[in-house]
Amino acid sequence: MKIKWRALGELAAVISVVLSLAFVGLELRINRQVAITESFGSAAGTTVAISGFLASHASTWRRGCASEELSKDEEVIFGSLVQAIDRHFFYRFNRVRDGIIVGNERRWPALIARNRVLWPGFDRKWIEIVQSGGGSFDSSSSSGSYNQIVEEEYNLLKTQLSPDSFDASLCGLYAL
């Protein structure tokens, strides 16, 4: 009789371990779904914030994209917009790379490349920002991989998009 009780106790212990692991797995799955949902909310909030800032400085944005002369204050505003858009896309690039959201990781750097090809002022400011931040193109780092893809897409798009297609009034439609 002793052996039966012992075996029954061991069986109960195994069942409790299995149930605990199943609970932990379910908990991890739920937490992952919450993180994904929060990242969409965060990305949407950032997009709204950048869009609002862009709309309130539309003239500066258009003139900056067209490489027209800007005052020092406007240069700061334009640079802040370019950097905010770039960081937003970099964040989304990393979320895809990390498997948090599904998508093509090249989409976000390709949008930066498109902005660079279409708008000479955006290109100038983006290069300035990347170089001032160290400008890594080392594919072993996340920012290096991102910048490397931006360059690859930029070189590809330069052959496909005509510089004559630049229209400063459209600047910003493809920004976000």
Foldseek 3Di string as FASTA:
>chain_A
DVVVVVVVVVVVVVVVVVVVVVVVVVVVVVVLVVVLVVVVVVLVVLVVVLVVLCVVLVVLCLCLLQVHDDDPVSVVSNLVSLVSLLVSLLVVLVCCVVVSDPDDSLPSLLLLLVSVLQGVSSVVSVVVVLVVVVNALPCVDSVNVSSVSNVVSNVVVNVVDDNVPHDSVCRPVSSD
